[in-house]
Amino acid sequence: MNDSIFSGKGGALALAVALMTCAAQAAADEPKGMLESIHRHVTLTSSVTENGDLNPYAVVVAPVSAGAIQKDDVLVDNFNNLSNLQGTGTTIIDYRPSTKQTTLFAKLPQKLPECPGGVGLTTAMTMLKSGWVIVGSTPSTDGTTATKGDGCLIVLDPNGKMVAAWSADHQRSLGRYGRGGSW
């Protein structure tokens, strides 16, 4: 015969309650995450540009000062155009936290011969230590994947001027395997 406090149906229930109490205490002792400590939201700026582009997608904090960009500026690209069609945004804004000012960093044309299908900026964006910005484009003519173009990577100088575009077609012309739409 087992004389344990946890024997039988009542014992199983007592064991379950004891384990749940321990688990609840352990969960209460867990440190809270940063987001749980934020109780109010503050809008710093809008990414909507004069041409109406919206839907901020990529966000890059500038690692260096170069050209029009100062270290710690925040670059944000827009994925949608004025009609809110996905894959049709062509603008990048520069938000400067030190002055709380937002300026247009780059406005790309909707159609670029070097970029199959046109321009539709994506989450693929980075700023190199040289100050150059590389941004991905996966365009759509009507905001759907049915009309998605292959796209490209667009290279901008530190003043927002386009200096190159790399596409799968470009890579193939160099004798390299290229696959579109992965930007």
N, C-alpha and C. Protein backbone atom coordinates (compact mmCIF):
# COMPACT_ATOMS: atom_id res chain seq x y z
N MET A 1 0.83 -1.19 0.00
CA MET A 1 0.00 0.00 0.00
C MET A 1 0.88 1.25 0.00
N ASN A 2 0.48 2.23 -0.80
CA ASN A 2 1.25 3.45 -0.94
C ASN A 2 0.60 4.52 -0.07
N ASP A 3 1.34 5.00 0.94
CA ASP A 3 0.80 5.98 1.87
C ASP A 3 1.20 7.41 1.49
N SER A 4 1.65 7.62 0.26
CA SER A 4 2.08 8.93 -0.18
C SER A 4 0.91 9.91 -0.17
N ILE A 5 1.22 11.16 0.08
CA ILE A 5 0.20 12.21 0.07
C ILE A 5 -0.43 12.35 -1.31
N PHE A 6 0.33 11.92 -2.36
CA PHE A 6 -0.15 12.07 -3.72
C PHE A 6 -0.74 10.78 -4.29
N SER A 7 -1.15 9.85 -3.44
CA SER A 7 -1.72 8.60 -3.94
C SER A 7 -3.21 8.76 -4.18
N GLY A 8 -3.75 8.02 -5.13
CA GLY A 8 -5.18 8.04 -5.43
C GLY A 8 -5.57 9.27 -6.22
N LYS A 9 -6.89 9.41 -6.47
CA LYS A 9 -7.41 10.52 -7.27
C LYS A 9 -7.18 11.86 -6.60
N GLY A 10 -7.38 11.93 -5.33
CA GLY A 10 -7.17 13.18 -4.59
C GLY A 10 -5.71 13.58 -4.62
N GLY A 11 -4.83 12.58 -4.56
CA GLY A 11 -3.40 12.85 -4.60
C GLY A 11 -2.97 13.40 -5.95
N ALA A 12 -3.54 12.86 -7.03
CA ALA A 12 -3.21 13.35 -8.37
C ALA A 12 -3.64 14.80 -8.52
N LEU A 13 -4.80 15.13 -7.98
CA LEU A 13 -5.29 16.50 -8.03
C LEU A 13 -4.38 17.42 -7.23
N ALA A 14 -3.96 16.97 -6.05
CA ALA A 14 -3.07 17.77 -5.21
C ALA A 14 -1.74 18.01 -5.92
N LEU A 15 -1.22 16.97 -6.60
CA LEU A 15 0.04 17.11 -7.34
C LEU A 15 -0.13 18.12 -8.47
N ALA A 16 -1.24 18.05 -9.21
CA ALA A 16 -1.49 18.97 -10.31
C ALA A 16 -1.57 20.41 -9.81
N VAL A 17 -2.26 20.63 -8.70
CA VAL A 17 -2.38 21.97 -8.12
C VAL A 17 -1.01 22.48 -7.69
N ALA A 18 -0.21 21.62 -7.08
CA ALA A 18 1.13 22.02 -6.63
C ALA A 18 2.00 22.41 -7.82
N LEU A 19 1.95 21.64 -8.90
CA LEU A 19 2.75 21.95 -10.09
C LEU A 19 2.28 23.24 -10.75
N MET A 20 0.97 23.46 -10.82
CA MET A 20 0.45 24.68 -11.42
C MET A 20 0.83 25.90 -10.60
N THR A 21 0.85 25.77 -9.29
CA THR A 21 1.24 26.87 -8.41
C THR A 21 2.70 27.23 -8.66
N CYS A 22 3.55 26.22 -8.79
CA CYS A 22 4.98 26.46 -9.06
C CYS A 22 5.16 27.12 -10.42
N ALA A 23 4.43 26.64 -11.43
CA ALA A 23 4.54 27.20 -12.78
C ALA A 23 4.07 28.64 -12.80
N ALA A 24 2.98 28.94 -12.09
CA ALA A 24 2.46 30.31 -12.04
C ALA A 24 3.46 31.24 -11.37
N GLN A 25 4.10 30.78 -10.32
CA GLN A 25 5.10 31.60 -9.63
C GLN A 25 6.29 31.85 -10.54
N ALA A 26 6.73 30.81 -11.28
CA ALA A 26 7.86 30.97 -12.20
C ALA A 26 7.52 31.98 -13.29
N ALA A 27 6.30 31.92 -13.81
CA ALA A 27 5.88 32.87 -14.85
C ALA A 27 5.84 34.29 -14.30
N ALA A 28 5.40 34.46 -13.06
CA ALA A 28 5.33 35.78 -12.45
C ALA A 28 6.73 36.36 -12.23
N ASP A 29 7.73 35.49 -12.05
CA ASP A 29 9.10 35.94 -11.83
C ASP A 29 9.82 36.30 -13.12
N GLU A 30 9.25 35.96 -14.29
CA GLU A 30 9.88 36.25 -15.57
C GLU A 30 9.95 37.77 -15.77
N PRO A 31 11.08 38.27 -16.25
CA PRO A 31 11.17 39.71 -16.51
C PRO A 31 10.24 40.08 -17.67
N LYS A 32 9.69 41.27 -17.62
CA LYS A 32 8.82 41.73 -18.69
C LYS A 32 9.66 42.19 -19.86
N GLY A 33 9.10 42.04 -21.05
CA GLY A 33 9.77 42.50 -22.26
C GLY A 33 9.63 44.00 -22.40
N MET A 34 10.41 44.58 -23.31
CA MET A 34 10.39 46.01 -23.53
C MET A 34 9.01 46.48 -23.99
N LEU A 35 8.36 45.74 -24.89
CA LEU A 35 7.07 46.17 -25.41
C LEU A 35 6.00 46.23 -24.33
N GLU A 36 6.10 45.35 -23.33
CA GLU A 36 5.12 45.37 -22.25
C GLU A 36 5.25 46.62 -21.39
N SER A 37 6.39 47.28 -21.46
CA SER A 37 6.60 48.48 -20.64
C SER A 37 6.14 49.76 -21.35
N ILE A 38 5.81 49.65 -22.63
CA ILE A 38 5.37 50.83 -23.38
C ILE A 38 3.86 50.98 -23.23
N HIS A 39 3.46 52.10 -22.67
CA HIS A 39 2.04 52.31 -22.40
C HIS A 39 1.42 53.39 -23.28
N ARG A 40 2.22 54.07 -24.05
CA ARG A 40 1.66 55.06 -24.96
C ARG A 40 2.50 55.07 -26.23
N HIS A 41 1.86 55.40 -27.31
CA HIS A 41 2.52 55.44 -28.60
C HIS A 41 2.57 56.89 -29.07
N VAL A 42 3.68 57.27 -29.66
CA VAL A 42 3.86 58.62 -30.14
C VAL A 42 4.21 58.54 -31.62
N THR A 43 3.48 59.27 -32.44
CA THR A 43 3.79 59.34 -33.85
C THR A 43 4.91 60.35 -34.04
N LEU A 44 6.02 59.91 -34.61
CA LEU A 44 7.16 60.80 -34.82
C LEU A 44 7.06 61.52 -36.15
N THR A 45 6.59 60.81 -37.17
CA THR A 45 6.49 61.39 -38.51
C THR A 45 5.58 60.51 -39.34
N SER A 46 5.33 60.93 -40.53
CA SER A 46 4.57 60.13 -41.49
C SER A 46 5.50 59.82 -42.66
N SER A 47 5.35 58.64 -43.24
CA SER A 47 6.17 58.31 -44.40
C SER A 47 5.47 58.68 -45.70
N VAL A 48 4.25 59.20 -45.62
CA VAL A 48 3.51 59.58 -46.83
C VAL A 48 4.20 60.78 -47.47
N THR A 49 4.52 60.64 -48.74
CA THR A 49 5.25 61.68 -49.46
C THR A 49 4.30 62.54 -50.29
N GLU A 50 4.84 63.59 -50.92
CA GLU A 50 4.02 64.50 -51.72
C GLU A 50 3.27 63.79 -52.84
N ASN A 51 3.87 62.72 -53.40
CA ASN A 51 3.19 62.00 -54.48
C ASN A 51 2.16 61.00 -53.94
N GLY A 52 2.04 60.90 -52.61
CA GLY A 52 1.03 60.04 -52.00
C GLY A 52 1.48 58.63 -51.68
N ASP A 53 2.75 58.29 -51.97
CA ASP A 53 3.23 56.95 -51.60
C ASP A 53 3.02 56.74 -50.11
N LEU A 54 2.69 55.50 -49.74
CA LEU A 54 2.44 55.17 -48.35
C LEU A 54 2.79 53.71 -48.08
N ASN A 55 2.50 53.24 -46.90
CA ASN A 55 2.77 51.89 -46.43
C ASN A 55 4.27 51.68 -46.25
N PRO A 56 4.83 52.23 -45.17
CA PRO A 56 6.27 52.08 -44.91
C PRO A 56 6.64 50.61 -44.78
N TYR A 57 7.69 50.21 -45.47
CA TYR A 57 8.08 48.80 -45.48
C TYR A 57 9.46 48.57 -44.89
N ALA A 58 10.47 49.13 -45.50
CA ALA A 58 11.84 48.94 -44.99
C ALA A 58 12.21 50.12 -44.11
N VAL A 59 12.93 49.83 -43.04
CA VAL A 59 13.42 50.86 -42.12
C VAL A 59 14.90 50.60 -41.89
N VAL A 60 15.73 51.61 -42.12
CA VAL A 60 17.17 51.49 -41.91
C VAL A 60 17.64 52.67 -41.09
N VAL A 61 18.40 52.40 -40.03
CA VAL A 61 19.03 53.46 -39.25
C VAL A 61 20.43 53.65 -39.81
N ALA A 62 20.74 54.88 -40.22
CA ALA A 62 22.01 55.17 -40.88
C ALA A 62 23.19 54.90 -39.95
N PRO A 63 24.14 54.04 -40.38
CA PRO A 63 25.29 53.73 -39.54
C PRO A 63 26.38 54.80 -39.60
N VAL A 64 26.31 55.66 -40.63
CA VAL A 64 27.34 56.69 -40.83
C VAL A 64 26.70 57.96 -41.38
N SER A 65 27.46 59.05 -41.34
CA SER A 65 27.05 60.27 -42.03
C SER A 65 27.71 60.27 -43.40
N ALA A 66 26.92 60.52 -44.42
CA ALA A 66 27.44 60.59 -45.79
C ALA A 66 26.42 61.32 -46.65
N GLY A 67 26.89 62.24 -47.48
CA GLY A 67 25.98 62.97 -48.35
C GLY A 67 24.89 63.66 -47.56
N ALA A 68 23.64 63.45 -47.96
CA ALA A 68 22.50 64.08 -47.31
C ALA A 68 22.09 63.38 -46.01
N ILE A 69 22.70 62.25 -45.73
CA ILE A 69 22.31 61.44 -44.57
C ILE A 69 23.25 61.68 -43.40
N GLN A 70 22.69 61.86 -42.21
CA GLN A 70 23.49 61.94 -41.00
C GLN A 70 23.36 60.63 -40.23
N LYS A 71 24.42 60.29 -39.50
CA LYS A 71 24.39 59.08 -38.68
C LYS A 71 23.14 59.12 -37.79
N ASP A 72 22.48 57.99 -37.68
CA ASP A 72 21.25 57.79 -36.89
C ASP A 72 19.99 58.31 -37.56
N ASP A 73 20.08 58.89 -38.77
CA ASP A 73 18.87 59.18 -39.53
C ASP A 73 18.14 57.87 -39.78
N VAL A 74 16.85 57.96 -40.00
CA VAL A 74 16.04 56.76 -40.26
C VAL A 74 15.49 56.86 -41.68
N LEU A 75 15.92 55.93 -42.53
CA LEU A 75 15.41 55.87 -43.90
C LEU A 75 14.25 54.89 -43.93
N VAL A 76 13.18 55.28 -44.61
CA VAL A 76 11.98 54.44 -44.70
C VAL A 76 11.49 54.46 -46.15
N ASP A 77 11.29 53.26 -46.72
CA ASP A 77 10.73 53.23 -48.07
C ASP A 77 9.24 52.89 -48.02
N ASN A 78 8.54 53.29 -49.06
CA ASN A 78 7.09 53.05 -49.16
C ASN A 78 6.81 51.99 -50.21
N PHE A 79 5.97 51.02 -49.86
CA PHE A 79 5.64 49.89 -50.72
C PHE A 79 4.46 50.18 -51.65
N ASN A 80 3.57 51.09 -51.25
CA ASN A 80 2.35 51.36 -52.02
C ASN A 80 2.37 52.77 -52.59
N ASN A 81 1.59 52.97 -53.67
CA ASN A 81 1.45 54.30 -54.24
C ASN A 81 0.20 54.98 -53.69
N LEU A 82 -0.14 56.13 -54.25
CA LEU A 82 -1.29 56.92 -53.80
C LEU A 82 -2.59 56.10 -53.80
N SER A 83 -2.74 55.18 -54.75
CA SER A 83 -3.94 54.34 -54.83
C SER A 83 -3.89 53.16 -53.87
N ASN A 84 -2.84 53.10 -53.05
CA ASN A 84 -2.64 52.03 -52.06
C ASN A 84 -2.45 50.67 -52.73
N LEU A 85 -1.87 50.66 -53.93
CA LEU A 85 -1.60 49.41 -54.64
C LEU A 85 -0.22 48.90 -54.22
N GLN A 86 -0.17 47.67 -53.75
CA GLN A 86 1.08 47.09 -53.28
C GLN A 86 2.07 46.92 -54.43
N GLY A 87 3.35 47.11 -54.11
CA GLY A 87 4.40 46.92 -55.11
C GLY A 87 4.49 48.05 -56.12
N THR A 88 4.00 49.23 -55.73
CA THR A 88 4.03 50.37 -56.64
C THR A 88 4.68 51.62 -56.03
N GLY A 89 5.15 51.52 -54.79
CA GLY A 89 5.79 52.65 -54.12
C GLY A 89 7.18 52.92 -54.69
N THR A 90 7.54 54.19 -54.77
CA THR A 90 8.81 54.57 -55.40
C THR A 90 9.64 55.55 -54.56
N THR A 91 9.25 55.79 -53.32
CA THR A 91 9.92 56.84 -52.54
C THR A 91 10.57 56.31 -51.27
N ILE A 92 11.62 57.03 -50.86
CA ILE A 92 12.31 56.78 -49.59
C ILE A 92 12.39 58.11 -48.86
N ILE A 93 11.95 58.11 -47.61
CA ILE A 93 12.06 59.34 -46.81
C ILE A 93 13.23 59.21 -45.84
N ASP A 94 13.71 60.37 -45.38
CA ASP A 94 14.79 60.45 -44.40
C ASP A 94 14.25 61.21 -43.19
N TYR A 95 14.10 60.51 -42.07
CA TYR A 95 13.66 61.14 -40.83
C TYR A 95 14.88 61.37 -39.96
N ARG A 96 15.09 62.62 -39.55
CA ARG A 96 16.23 62.98 -38.72
C ARG A 96 15.76 63.20 -37.29
N PRO A 97 16.04 62.23 -36.40
CA PRO A 97 15.57 62.34 -35.01
C PRO A 97 16.06 63.59 -34.29
N SER A 98 17.27 64.06 -34.60
CA SER A 98 17.82 65.21 -33.88
C SER A 98 17.03 66.49 -34.13
N THR A 99 16.41 66.61 -35.31
CA THR A 99 15.63 67.81 -35.63
C THR A 99 14.13 67.51 -35.79
N LYS A 100 13.80 66.24 -35.76
CA LYS A 100 12.42 65.79 -35.96
C LYS A 100 11.88 66.19 -37.34
N GLN A 101 12.77 66.34 -38.30
CA GLN A 101 12.40 66.73 -39.66
C GLN A 101 12.42 65.52 -40.59
N THR A 102 11.50 65.51 -41.54
CA THR A 102 11.43 64.46 -42.55
C THR A 102 11.62 65.10 -43.92
N THR A 103 12.50 64.52 -44.72
CA THR A 103 12.72 64.99 -46.08
C THR A 103 12.64 63.81 -47.03
N LEU A 104 12.44 64.12 -48.30
CA LEU A 104 12.43 63.09 -49.32
C LEU A 104 13.88 62.76 -49.67
N PHE A 105 14.28 61.51 -49.46
CA PHE A 105 15.64 61.10 -49.79
C PHE A 105 15.74 60.69 -51.25
N ALA A 106 14.78 59.92 -51.74
CA ALA A 106 14.83 59.46 -53.13
C ALA A 106 13.42 59.28 -53.67
N LYS A 107 13.24 59.69 -54.92
CA LYS A 107 12.01 59.45 -55.67
C LYS A 107 12.44 58.80 -56.97
N LEU A 108 12.11 57.53 -57.11
CA LEU A 108 12.51 56.78 -58.30
C LEU A 108 11.38 56.79 -59.32
N PRO A 109 11.73 56.68 -60.60
CA PRO A 109 10.67 56.61 -61.61
C PRO A 109 9.92 55.28 -61.50
N GLN A 110 8.65 55.28 -61.87
CA GLN A 110 7.86 54.04 -61.83
C GLN A 110 8.42 53.00 -62.80
N LYS A 111 8.95 53.48 -63.91
CA LYS A 111 9.53 52.57 -64.91
C LYS A 111 11.02 52.83 -65.03
N LEU A 112 11.80 51.77 -64.85
CA LEU A 112 13.25 51.82 -65.02
C LEU A 112 13.63 50.73 -66.01
N PRO A 113 14.28 51.06 -67.11
CA PRO A 113 14.65 50.02 -68.07
C PRO A 113 15.51 48.91 -67.44
N GLU A 114 16.33 49.27 -66.45
CA GLU A 114 17.22 48.29 -65.81
C GLU A 114 16.48 47.40 -64.82
N CYS A 115 15.23 47.69 -64.54
CA CYS A 115 14.48 46.98 -63.50
C CYS A 115 13.23 46.35 -64.13
N PRO A 116 13.30 45.05 -64.48
CA PRO A 116 12.18 44.39 -65.17
C PRO A 116 10.86 44.50 -64.39
N GLY A 117 9.87 45.09 -65.04
CA GLY A 117 8.56 45.23 -64.43
C GLY A 117 8.34 46.58 -63.79
N GLY A 118 9.39 47.38 -63.64
CA GLY A 118 9.25 48.70 -63.03
C GLY A 118 9.77 48.74 -61.61
N VAL A 119 9.25 49.69 -60.84
CA VAL A 119 9.72 49.89 -59.47
C VAL A 119 8.56 49.71 -58.49
N GLY A 120 8.84 48.96 -57.44
CA GLY A 120 7.93 48.77 -56.31
C GLY A 120 8.80 48.41 -55.12
N LEU A 121 9.16 49.40 -54.31
CA LEU A 121 10.15 49.19 -53.25
C LEU A 121 9.67 48.19 -52.20
N THR A 122 10.62 47.44 -51.63
CA THR A 122 10.30 46.33 -50.72
C THR A 122 11.00 46.51 -49.37
N THR A 123 10.97 45.44 -48.57
CA THR A 123 11.65 45.44 -47.27
C THR A 123 13.15 45.25 -47.40
N ALA A 124 13.63 44.98 -48.59
CA ALA A 124 15.07 44.80 -48.79
C ALA A 124 15.72 46.17 -48.93
N MET A 125 16.32 46.66 -47.85
CA MET A 125 17.02 47.95 -47.92
C MET A 125 18.13 47.94 -46.88
N THR A 126 19.27 48.48 -47.28
CA THR A 126 20.40 48.61 -46.36
C THR A 126 21.19 49.86 -46.74
N MET A 127 21.99 50.32 -45.79
CA MET A 127 22.92 51.42 -46.05
C MET A 127 24.30 50.90 -45.73
N LEU A 128 25.19 51.01 -46.71
CA LEU A 128 26.57 50.56 -46.52
C LEU A 128 27.37 51.62 -45.77
N LYS A 129 28.52 51.23 -45.24
CA LYS A 129 29.37 52.18 -44.51
C LYS A 129 29.87 53.30 -45.41
N SER A 130 29.86 53.08 -46.72
CA SER A 130 30.25 54.12 -47.67
C SER A 130 29.16 55.17 -47.82
N GLY A 131 27.96 54.87 -47.30
CA GLY A 131 26.84 55.79 -47.43
C GLY A 131 25.89 55.43 -48.55
N TRP A 132 26.29 54.48 -49.39
CA TRP A 132 25.42 54.06 -50.48
C TRP A 132 24.25 53.26 -49.91
N VAL A 133 23.10 53.41 -50.53
CA VAL A 133 21.89 52.72 -50.10
C VAL A 133 21.49 51.73 -51.20
N ILE A 134 21.19 50.52 -50.81
CA ILE A 134 20.71 49.51 -51.75
C ILE A 134 19.30 49.14 -51.33
N VAL A 135 18.36 49.21 -52.27
CA VAL A 135 16.96 48.93 -51.97
C VAL A 135 16.40 47.96 -53.01
N GLY A 136 15.58 47.05 -52.54
CA GLY A 136 14.97 46.05 -53.42
C GLY A 136 13.68 46.56 -54.04
N SER A 137 13.39 46.02 -55.22
CA SER A 137 12.16 46.35 -55.93
C SER A 137 11.52 45.08 -56.45
N THR A 138 10.28 44.83 -56.04
CA THR A 138 9.47 43.76 -56.61
C THR A 138 8.16 44.42 -57.03
N PRO A 139 8.11 44.89 -58.28
CA PRO A 139 6.99 45.71 -58.73
C PRO A 139 5.74 44.91 -59.11
N SER A 140 4.64 45.63 -59.10
CA SER A 140 3.36 45.12 -59.60
C SER A 140 2.70 46.28 -60.34
N THR A 141 2.01 45.98 -61.42
CA THR A 141 1.35 47.07 -62.14
C THR A 141 -0.02 47.41 -61.57
N ASP A 142 -0.64 46.44 -60.87
CA ASP A 142 -1.98 46.69 -60.33
C ASP A 142 -2.13 46.32 -58.85
N GLY A 143 -1.01 46.10 -58.16
CA GLY A 143 -1.06 45.78 -56.74
C GLY A 143 -1.29 44.32 -56.43
N THR A 144 -1.30 43.47 -57.45
CA THR A 144 -1.50 42.03 -57.22
C THR A 144 -0.26 41.26 -57.65
N THR A 145 -0.15 40.03 -57.16
CA THR A 145 0.98 39.20 -57.57
C THR A 145 0.83 38.70 -59.00
N ALA A 146 -0.36 38.78 -59.56
CA ALA A 146 -0.57 38.34 -60.94
C ALA A 146 0.24 39.17 -61.93
N THR A 147 0.54 40.42 -61.58
CA THR A 147 1.29 41.29 -62.48
C THR A 147 2.68 41.62 -61.93
N LYS A 148 3.16 40.79 -61.02
CA LYS A 148 4.46 41.04 -60.38
C LYS A 148 5.59 40.92 -61.41
N GLY A 149 6.46 41.93 -61.43
CA GLY A 149 7.64 41.89 -62.29
C GLY A 149 8.81 41.27 -61.55
N ASP A 150 9.88 40.96 -62.29
CA ASP A 150 11.07 40.36 -61.68
C ASP A 150 11.75 41.31 -60.72
N GLY A 151 11.72 42.61 -61.03
CA GLY A 151 12.32 43.58 -60.14
C GLY A 151 13.83 43.63 -60.21
N CYS A 152 14.43 44.25 -59.19
CA CYS A 152 15.87 44.46 -59.19
C CYS A 152 16.32 44.96 -57.82
N LEU A 153 17.61 45.15 -57.70
CA LEU A 153 18.19 45.89 -56.58
C LEU A 153 18.63 47.23 -57.13
N ILE A 154 18.26 48.30 -56.46
CA ILE A 154 18.59 49.65 -56.92
C ILE A 154 19.64 50.23 -55.98
N VAL A 155 20.70 50.76 -56.57
CA VAL A 155 21.80 51.34 -55.80
C VAL A 155 21.71 52.86 -55.89
N LEU A 156 21.69 53.50 -54.71
CA LEU A 156 21.60 54.96 -54.62
C LEU A 156 22.86 55.50 -53.95
N ASP A 157 23.31 56.67 -54.40
CA ASP A 157 24.43 57.30 -53.72
C ASP A 157 23.92 57.94 -52.42
N PRO A 158 24.81 58.49 -51.59
CA PRO A 158 24.37 59.06 -50.30
C PRO A 158 23.47 60.29 -50.40
N ASN A 159 23.24 60.77 -51.64
CA ASN A 159 22.33 61.89 -51.85
C ASN A 159 21.01 61.46 -52.46
N GLY A 160 20.79 60.15 -52.58
CA GLY A 160 19.53 59.62 -53.10
C GLY A 160 19.46 59.51 -54.60
N LYS A 161 20.58 59.72 -55.29
CA LYS A 161 20.60 59.62 -56.76
C LYS A 161 20.88 58.17 -57.15
N MET A 162 20.07 57.63 -58.08
CA MET A 162 20.28 56.27 -58.53
C MET A 162 21.56 56.18 -59.37
N VAL A 163 22.41 55.20 -59.04
CA VAL A 163 23.65 55.03 -59.79
C VAL A 163 23.72 53.68 -60.50
N ALA A 164 22.89 52.72 -60.09
CA ALA A 164 22.89 51.41 -60.75
C ALA A 164 21.63 50.64 -60.36
N ALA A 165 21.33 49.64 -61.17
CA ALA A 165 20.26 48.69 -60.84
C ALA A 165 20.74 47.32 -61.28
N TRP A 166 20.61 46.37 -60.37
CA TRP A 166 21.04 45.00 -60.66
C TRP A 166 19.81 44.11 -60.72
N SER A 167 19.66 43.40 -61.83
CA SER A 167 18.52 42.50 -61.99
C SER A 167 19.02 41.11 -62.36
N ALA A 168 18.12 40.16 -62.41
CA ALA A 168 18.47 38.82 -62.84
C ALA A 168 18.99 38.87 -64.27
N ASP A 169 18.37 39.70 -65.12
CA ASP A 169 18.85 39.85 -66.50
C ASP A 169 20.28 40.35 -66.52
N HIS A 170 20.58 41.31 -65.65
CA HIS A 170 21.94 41.85 -65.55
C HIS A 170 22.92 40.77 -65.13
N GLN A 171 22.55 39.98 -64.14
CA GLN A 171 23.42 38.90 -63.67
C GLN A 171 23.66 37.87 -64.77
N ARG A 172 22.60 37.52 -65.50
CA ARG A 172 22.76 36.55 -66.60
C ARG A 172 23.68 37.11 -67.68
N SER A 173 23.60 38.42 -67.95
CA SER A 173 24.46 39.02 -68.97
C SER A 173 25.93 38.96 -68.56
N LEU A 174 26.19 38.86 -67.26
CA LEU A 174 27.55 38.73 -66.76
C LEU A 174 27.98 37.27 -66.66
N GLY A 175 27.11 36.36 -67.12
CA GLY A 175 27.44 34.94 -67.07
C GLY A 175 27.14 34.30 -65.73
N ARG A 176 26.35 34.97 -64.90
CA ARG A 176 25.99 34.43 -63.59
C ARG A 176 24.53 34.01 -63.62
N TYR A 177 24.20 33.05 -62.79
CA TYR A 177 22.80 32.65 -62.69
C TYR A 177 22.05 33.75 -61.98
N GLY A 178 20.93 34.12 -62.51
CA GLY A 178 20.12 35.14 -61.87
C GLY A 178 18.69 34.69 -61.77
N ARG A 179 18.06 35.06 -60.69
CA ARG A 179 16.67 34.69 -60.46
C ARG A 179 15.94 35.94 -60.02
N GLY A 180 14.90 36.29 -60.72
CA GLY A 180 14.20 37.53 -60.42
C GLY A 180 13.21 37.40 -59.27
N GLY A 181 12.81 38.55 -58.76
CA GLY A 181 11.77 38.60 -57.75
C GLY A 181 12.19 38.22 -56.35
N SER A 182 13.45 38.05 -56.13
CA SER A 182 13.89 37.65 -54.78
C SER A 182 14.39 38.84 -53.98
N TRP A 183 14.10 40.03 -54.44
CA TRP A 183 14.61 41.21 -53.77
C TRP A 183 13.70 41.55 -52.63
